Amino acid sequence: MDTRSMNNPLICPLCRKPNHCAYAAGRPAEECWCMSLSVPKALLAQIPDEQRGKSCVCEACVRAYKADA
C-alpha cells in the first residue's frame, strides 16, 4: 500500500485517486461536488478507521456505490 496517499486530504481513501475536494484544496466548501450529491453513510463506513475524518471519498466512488445499490 502506498503510505504517501494515506491520510492525504486530496486522495480518496477508498480508490486512492484524487477526490477533487474543494475544501481540502483551500476553496470554499460550497464549491465542492459533495454539496449537490449526498454520500451514503454505508459508503462512509467503508473508510478505514485510520483515515476516517482525514480525507473525503471521491465523486466516482459515490456514484459507483449508488449505481450498485
PDB file of N, CA and C in Angstrom:
ATOM      1  N   MET A   1       0.839  -1.180   0.000  1.00  0.00           N
ATOM      2  CA  MET A   1       0.000   0.000   0.000  1.00  0.00           C
ATOM      3  C   MET A   1       0.886   1.246   0.000  1.00  0.00           C
ATOM      4  N   ASP A   2       0.490   2.222  -0.783  1.00  0.00           N
ATOM      5  CA  ASP A   2       1.245   3.474  -0.877  1.00  0.00           C
ATOM      6  C   ASP A   2       0.911   4.338   0.339  1.00  0.00           C
ATOM      7  N   THR A   3       1.810   4.409   1.293  1.00  0.00           N
ATOM      8  CA  THR A   3       1.545   5.155   2.517  1.00  0.00           C
ATOM      9  C   THR A   3       1.527   6.657   2.291  1.00  0.00           C
ATOM     10  N   ARG A   4       2.085   7.124   1.161  1.00  0.00           N
ATOM     11  CA  ARG A   4       2.053   8.560   0.870  1.00  0.00           C
ATOM     12  C   ARG A   4       0.634   9.054   0.639  1.00  0.00           C
ATOM     13  N   SER A   5      -0.248   8.198   0.112  1.00  0.00           N
ATOM     14  CA  SER A   5      -1.620   8.617  -0.151  1.00  0.00           C
ATOM     15  C   SER A   5      -2.523   8.442   1.060  1.00  0.00           C
ATOM     16  N   MET A   6      -2.065   7.706   2.062  1.00  0.00           N
ATOM     17  CA  MET A   6      -2.875   7.535   3.265  1.00  0.00           C
ATOM     18  C   MET A   6      -2.952   8.856   4.016  1.00  0.00           C
ATOM     19  N   ASN A   7      -4.138   9.214   4.403  1.00  0.00           N
ATOM     20  CA  ASN A   7      -4.403  10.435   5.157  1.00  0.00           C
ATOM     21  C   ASN A   7      -4.103  11.708   4.386  1.00  0.00           C
ATOM     22  N   ASN A   8      -3.977  11.615   3.081  1.00  0.00           N
ATOM     23  CA  ASN A   8      -3.824  12.799   2.243  1.00  0.00           C
ATOM     24  C   ASN A   8      -5.232  13.333   1.995  1.00  0.00           C
ATOM     25  N   PRO A   9      -5.519  14.556   2.398  1.00  0.00           N
ATOM     26  CA  PRO A   9      -6.888  15.073   2.268  1.00  0.00           C
ATOM     27  C   PRO A   9      -7.356  15.232   0.831  1.00  0.00           C
ATOM     28  N   LEU A  10      -6.455  15.121  -0.138  1.00  0.00           N
ATOM     29  CA  LEU A  10      -6.832  15.271  -1.548  1.00  0.00           C
ATOM     30  C   LEU A  10      -7.006  13.930  -2.263  1.00  0.00           C
ATOM     31  N   ILE A  11      -6.817  12.817  -1.531  1.00  0.00           N
ATOM     32  CA  ILE A  11      -6.903  11.475  -2.105  1.00  0.00           C
ATOM     33  C   ILE A  11      -8.062  10.710  -1.465  1.00  0.00           C
ATOM     34  N   CYS A  12      -8.866  10.058  -2.304  1.00  0.00           N
ATOM     35  CA  CYS A  12      -9.985   9.248  -1.817  1.00  0.00           C
ATOM     36  C   CYS A  12      -9.435   8.059  -1.023  1.00  0.00           C
ATOM     37  N   PRO A  13      -9.943   7.829   0.185  1.00  0.00           N
ATOM     38  CA  PRO A  13      -9.431   6.724   0.995  1.00  0.00           C
ATOM     39  C   PRO A  13      -9.875   5.353   0.485  1.00  0.00           C
ATOM     40  N   LEU A  14     -10.803   5.316  -0.465  1.00  0.00           N
ATOM     41  CA  LEU A  14     -11.278   4.037  -0.982  1.00  0.00           C
ATOM     42  C   LEU A  14     -10.577   3.624  -2.269  1.00  0.00           C
ATOM     43  N   CYS A  15     -10.466   4.528  -3.236  1.00  0.00           N
ATOM     44  CA  CYS A  15      -9.868   4.161  -4.526  1.00  0.00           C
ATOM     45  C   CYS A  15      -8.459   4.722  -4.709  1.00  0.00           C
ATOM     46  N   ARG A  16      -8.018   5.606  -3.824  1.00  0.00           N
ATOM     47  CA  ARG A  16      -6.687   6.231  -3.841  1.00  0.00           C
ATOM     48  C   ARG A  16      -6.462   7.152  -5.046  1.00  0.00           C
ATOM     49  N   LYS A  17      -7.554   7.671  -5.595  1.00  0.00           N
ATOM     50  CA  LYS A  17      -7.457   8.647  -6.686  1.00  0.00           C
ATOM     51  C   LYS A  17      -7.831  10.012  -6.138  1.00  0.00           C
ATOM     52  N   PRO A  18      -7.547  11.087  -6.864  1.00  0.00           N
ATOM     53  CA  PRO A  18      -7.922  12.424  -6.373  1.00  0.00           C
ATOM     54  C   PRO A  18      -9.417  12.513  -6.088  1.00  0.00           C
ATOM     55  N   ASN A  19      -9.758  13.114  -4.946  1.00  0.00           N
ATOM     56  CA  ASN A  19     -11.166  13.216  -4.562  1.00  0.00           C
ATOM     57  C   ASN A  19     -11.805  14.529  -5.003  1.00  0.00           C
ATOM     58  N   HIS A  20     -11.011  15.449  -5.515  1.00  0.00           N
ATOM     59  CA  HIS A  20     -11.500  16.749  -6.005  1.00  0.00           C
ATOM     60  C   HIS A  20     -12.297  17.499  -4.928  1.00  0.00           C
ATOM     61  N   CYS A  21     -11.845  17.403  -3.693  1.00  0.00           N
ATOM     62  CA  CYS A  21     -12.484  18.103  -2.578  1.00  0.00           C
ATOM     63  C   CYS A  21     -12.098  19.581  -2.610  1.00  0.00           C
ATOM     64  N   ALA A  22     -13.085  20.434  -2.812  1.00  0.00           N
ATOM     65  CA  ALA A  22     -12.818  21.879  -2.869  1.00  0.00           C
ATOM     66  C   ALA A  22     -12.285  22.383  -1.541  1.00  0.00           C
ATOM     67  N   TYR A  23     -12.878  21.938  -0.443  1.00  0.00           N
ATOM     68  CA  TYR A  23     -12.477  22.409   0.883  1.00  0.00           C
ATOM     69  C   TYR A  23     -11.022  22.049   1.179  1.00  0.00           C
ATOM     70  N   ALA A  24     -10.647  20.789   0.910  1.00  0.00           N
ATOM     71  CA  ALA A  24      -9.269  20.349   1.161  1.00  0.00           C
ATOM     72  C   ALA A  24      -8.275  21.086   0.262  1.00  0.00           C
ATOM     73  N   ALA A  25      -8.757  21.544  -0.893  1.00  0.00           N
ATOM     74  CA  ALA A  25      -7.897  22.277  -1.825  1.00  0.00           C
ATOM     75  C   ALA A  25      -7.836  23.768  -1.503  1.00  0.00           C
ATOM     76  N   GLY A  26      -8.509  24.177  -0.426  1.00  0.00           N
ATOM     77  CA  GLY A  26      -8.442  25.566   0.002  1.00  0.00           C
ATOM     78  C   GLY A  26      -9.517  26.473  -0.575  1.00  0.00           C
ATOM     79  N   ARG A  27     -10.494  25.878  -1.237  1.00  0.00           N
ATOM     80  CA  ARG A  27     -11.601  26.668  -1.778  1.00  0.00           C
ATOM     81  C   ARG A  27     -12.792  26.571  -0.831  1.00  0.00           C
ATOM     82  N   PRO A  28     -13.797  27.421  -0.996  1.00  0.00           N
ATOM     83  CA  PRO A  28     -14.983  27.348  -0.133  1.00  0.00           C
ATOM     84  C   PRO A  28     -15.679  25.993  -0.253  1.00  0.00           C
ATOM     85  N   ALA A  29     -16.140  25.474   0.866  1.00  0.00           N
ATOM     86  CA  ALA A  29     -16.827  24.179   0.880  1.00  0.00           C
ATOM     87  C   ALA A  29     -18.033  24.178  -0.052  1.00  0.00           C
ATOM     88  N   GLU A  30     -18.664  25.316  -0.232  1.00  0.00           N
ATOM     89  CA  GLU A  30     -19.845  25.414  -1.084  1.00  0.00           C
ATOM     90  C   GLU A  30     -19.529  25.083  -2.540  1.00  0.00           C
ATOM     91  N   GLU A  31     -18.260  25.142  -2.922  1.00  0.00           N
ATOM     92  CA  GLU A  31     -17.850  24.830  -4.289  1.00  0.00           C
ATOM     93  C   GLU A  31     -17.637  23.333  -4.517  1.00  0.00           C
ATOM     94  N   CYS A  32     -17.694  22.548  -3.473  1.00  0.00           N
ATOM     95  CA  CYS A  32     -17.384  21.125  -3.584  1.00  0.00           C
ATOM     96  C   CYS A  32     -18.543  20.352  -4.225  1.00  0.00           C
ATOM     97  N   TRP A  33     -18.175  19.331  -4.979  1.00  0.00           N
ATOM     98  CA  TRP A  33     -19.166  18.482  -5.637  1.00  0.00           C
ATOM     99  C   TRP A  33     -20.104  17.825  -4.626  1.00  0.00           C
ATOM    100  N   CYS A  34     -19.634  17.597  -3.407  1.00  0.00           N
ATOM    101  CA  CYS A  34     -20.451  16.889  -2.413  1.00  0.00           C
ATOM    102  C   CYS A  34     -21.609  17.726  -1.879  1.00  0.00           C
ATOM    103  N   MET A  35     -21.621  19.005  -2.217  1.00  0.00           N
ATOM    104  CA  MET A  35     -22.732  19.855  -1.803  1.00  0.00           C
ATOM    105  C   MET A  35     -23.992  19.572  -2.625  1.00  0.00           C
ATOM    106  N   SER A  36     -23.840  18.886  -3.745  1.00  0.00           N
ATOM    107  CA  SER A  36     -25.002  18.577  -4.580  1.00  0.00           C
ATOM    108  C   SER A  36     -25.231  17.070  -4.744  1.00  0.00           C
ATOM    109  N   LEU A  37     -24.460  16.258  -4.040  1.00  0.00           N
ATOM    110  CA  LEU A  37     -24.583  14.807  -4.132  1.00  0.00           C
ATOM    111  C   LEU A  37     -24.387  14.221  -2.742  1.00  0.00           C
ATOM    112  N   SER A  38     -25.398  13.558  -2.236  1.00  0.00           N
ATOM    113  CA  SER A  38     -25.284  13.004  -0.883  1.00  0.00           C
ATOM    114  C   SER A  38     -24.399  11.761  -0.892  1.00  0.00           C
ATOM    115  N   VAL A  39     -23.633  11.615   0.169  1.00  0.00           N
ATOM    116  CA  VAL A  39     -22.728  10.489   0.325  1.00  0.00           C
ATOM    117  C   VAL A  39     -23.377   9.506   1.299  1.00  0.00           C
ATOM    118  N   PRO A  40     -23.692   8.290   0.846  1.00  0.00           N
ATOM    119  CA  PRO A  40     -24.357   7.313   1.714  1.00  0.00           C
ATOM    120  C   PRO A  40     -23.510   6.964   2.944  1.00  0.00           C
ATOM    121  N   LYS A  41     -24.176   6.863   4.078  1.00  0.00           N
ATOM    122  CA  LYS A  41     -23.483   6.511   5.321  1.00  0.00           C
ATOM    123  C   LYS A  41     -22.826   5.143   5.223  1.00  0.00           C
ATOM    124  N   ALA A  42     -23.456   4.229   4.504  1.00  0.00           N
ATOM    125  CA  ALA A  42     -22.881   2.883   4.351  1.00  0.00           C
ATOM    126  C   ALA A  42     -21.563   2.941   3.583  1.00  0.00           C
ATOM    127  N   LEU A  43     -21.433   3.867   2.656  1.00  0.00           N
ATOM    128  CA  LEU A  43     -20.170   4.035   1.931  1.00  0.00           C
ATOM    129  C   LEU A  43     -19.114   4.642   2.848  1.00  0.00           C
ATOM    130  N   LEU A  44     -19.497   5.635   3.625  1.00  0.00           N
ATOM    131  CA  LEU A  44     -18.564   6.247   4.576  1.00  0.00           C
ATOM    132  C   LEU A  44     -18.053   5.219   5.581  1.00  0.00           C
ATOM    133  N   ALA A  45     -18.894   4.253   5.920  1.00  0.00           N
ATOM    134  CA  ALA A  45     -18.499   3.212   6.879  1.00  0.00           C
ATOM    135  C   ALA A  45     -17.388   2.327   6.324  1.00  0.00           C
ATOM    136  N   GLN A  46     -17.175   2.343   5.008  1.00  0.00           N
ATOM    137  CA  GLN A  46     -16.127   1.532   4.387  1.00  0.00           C
ATOM    138  C   GLN A  46     -14.740   2.176   4.490  1.00  0.00           C
ATOM    139  N   ILE A  47     -14.693   3.429   4.917  1.00  0.00           N
ATOM    140  CA  ILE A  47     -13.398   4.107   5.069  1.00  0.00           C
ATOM    141  C   ILE A  47     -12.654   3.476   6.244  1.00  0.00           C
ATOM    142  N   PRO A  48     -11.402   3.096   6.056  1.00  0.00           N
ATOM    143  CA  PRO A  48     -10.633   2.524   7.174  1.00  0.00           C
ATOM    144  C   PRO A  48     -10.584   3.501   8.356  1.00  0.00           C
ATOM    145  N   ASP A  49     -10.641   2.960   9.557  1.00  0.00           N
ATOM    146  CA  ASP A  49     -10.668   3.782  10.775  1.00  0.00           C
ATOM    147  C   ASP A  49      -9.559   4.827  10.819  1.00  0.00           C
ATOM    148  N   GLU A  50      -8.349   4.443  10.400  1.00  0.00           N
ATOM    149  CA  GLU A  50      -7.218   5.363  10.495  1.00  0.00           C
ATOM    150  C   GLU A  50      -7.314   6.523   9.504  1.00  0.00           C
ATOM    151  N   GLN A  51      -8.233   6.441   8.551  1.00  0.00           N
ATOM    152  CA  GLN A  51      -8.401   7.515   7.568  1.00  0.00           C
ATOM    153  C   GLN A  51      -9.712   8.283   7.743  1.00  0.00           C
ATOM    154  N   ARG A  52     -10.562   7.793   8.604  1.00  0.00           N
ATOM    155  CA  ARG A  52     -11.865   8.428   8.807  1.00  0.00           C
ATOM    156  C   ARG A  52     -11.692   9.854   9.318  1.00  0.00           C
ATOM    157  N   GLY A  53     -12.363  10.784   8.662  1.00  0.00           N
ATOM    158  CA  GLY A  53     -12.304  12.183   9.053  1.00  0.00           C
ATOM    159  C   GLY A  53     -11.047  12.908   8.580  1.00  0.00           C
ATOM    160  N   LYS A  54     -10.223  12.233   7.781  1.00  0.00           N
ATOM    161  CA  LYS A  54      -8.971  12.845   7.322  1.00  0.00           C
ATOM    162  C   LYS A  54      -8.961  13.095   5.823  1.00  0.00           C
ATOM    163  N   SER A  55      -9.777  12.355   5.082  1.00  0.00           N
ATOM    164  CA  SER A  55      -9.873  12.564   3.642  1.00  0.00           C
ATOM    165  C   SER A  55     -11.256  12.159   3.161  1.00  0.00           C
ATOM    166  N   CYS A  56     -11.712  12.794   2.112  1.00  0.00           N
ATOM    167  CA  CYS A  56     -13.066  12.585   1.595  1.00  0.00           C
ATOM    168  C   CYS A  56     -13.089  11.516   0.514  1.00  0.00           C
ATOM    169  N   VAL A  57     -14.214  10.824   0.450  1.00  0.00           N
ATOM    170  CA  VAL A  57     -14.473   9.894  -0.635  1.00  0.00           C
ATOM    171  C   VAL A  57     -14.665  10.718  -1.906  1.00  0.00           C
ATOM    172  N   CYS A  58     -14.297  10.157  -3.050  1.00  0.00           N
ATOM    173  CA  CYS A  58     -14.441  10.886  -4.311  1.00  0.00           C
ATOM    174  C   CYS A  58     -15.833  10.692  -4.917  1.00  0.00           C
ATOM    175  N   GLU A  59     -16.162  11.586  -5.837  1.00  0.00           N
ATOM    176  CA  GLU A  59     -17.455  11.531  -6.509  1.00  0.00           C
ATOM    177  C   GLU A  59     -17.625  10.219  -7.280  1.00  0.00           C
ATOM    178  N   ALA A  60     -16.560   9.729  -7.900  1.00  0.00           N
ATOM    179  CA  ALA A  60     -16.645   8.484  -8.670  1.00  0.00           C
ATOM    180  C   ALA A  60     -17.033   7.308  -7.779  1.00  0.00           C
ATOM    181  N   CYS A  61     -16.459   7.236  -6.569  1.00  0.00           N
ATOM    182  CA  CYS A  61     -16.808   6.155  -5.642  1.00  0.00           C
ATOM    183  C   CYS A  61     -18.262   6.271  -5.187  1.00  0.00           C
ATOM    184  N   VAL A  62     -18.729   7.488  -4.954  1.00  0.00           N
ATOM    185  CA  VAL A  62     -20.121   7.698  -4.535  1.00  0.00           C
ATOM    186  C   VAL A  62     -21.051   7.257  -5.653  1.00  0.00           C
ATOM    187  N   ARG A  63     -20.773   7.689  -6.867  1.00  0.00           N
ATOM    188  CA  ARG A  63     -21.645   7.332  -7.993  1.00  0.00           C
ATOM    189  C   ARG A  63     -21.621   5.829  -8.270  1.00  0.00           C
ATOM    190  N   ALA A  64     -20.460   5.200  -8.166  1.00  0.00           N
ATOM    191  CA  ALA A  64     -20.367   3.754  -8.367  1.00  0.00           C
ATOM    192  C   ALA A  64     -21.141   3.008  -7.286  1.00  0.00           C
ATOM    193  N   TYR A  65     -21.025   3.465  -6.049  1.00  0.00           N
ATOM    194  CA  TYR A  65     -21.746   2.841  -4.942  1.00  0.00           C
ATOM    195  C   TYR A  65     -23.258   2.943  -5.163  1.00  0.00           C
ATOM    196  N   LYS A  66     -23.711   4.122  -5.552  1.00  0.00           N
ATOM    197  CA  LYS A  66     -25.146   4.329  -5.779  1.00  0.00           C
ATOM    198  C   LYS A  66     -25.646   3.511  -6.965  1.00  0.00           C
ATOM    199  N   ALA A  67     -24.828   3.348  -8.000  1.00  0.00           N
ATOM    200  CA  ALA A  67     -25.229   2.567  -9.174  1.00  0.00           C
ATOM    201  C   ALA A  67     -25.368   1.092  -8.821  1.00  0.00           C
ATOM    202  N   ASP A  68     -24.532   0.613  -7.886  1.00  0.00           N
ATOM    203  CA  ASP A  68     -24.570  -0.788  -7.480  1.00  0.00           C
ATOM    204  C   ASP A  68     -25.660  -1.073  -6.460  1.00  0.00           C
ATOM    205  N   ALA A  69     -26.164  -0.020  -5.821  1.00  0.00           N
ATOM    206  CA  ALA A  69     -27.172  -0.203  -4.751  1.00  0.00           C
ATOM    207  C   ALA A  69     -28.542  -0.511  -5.300  1.00  0.00           C
TER     208      ALA A  69
END
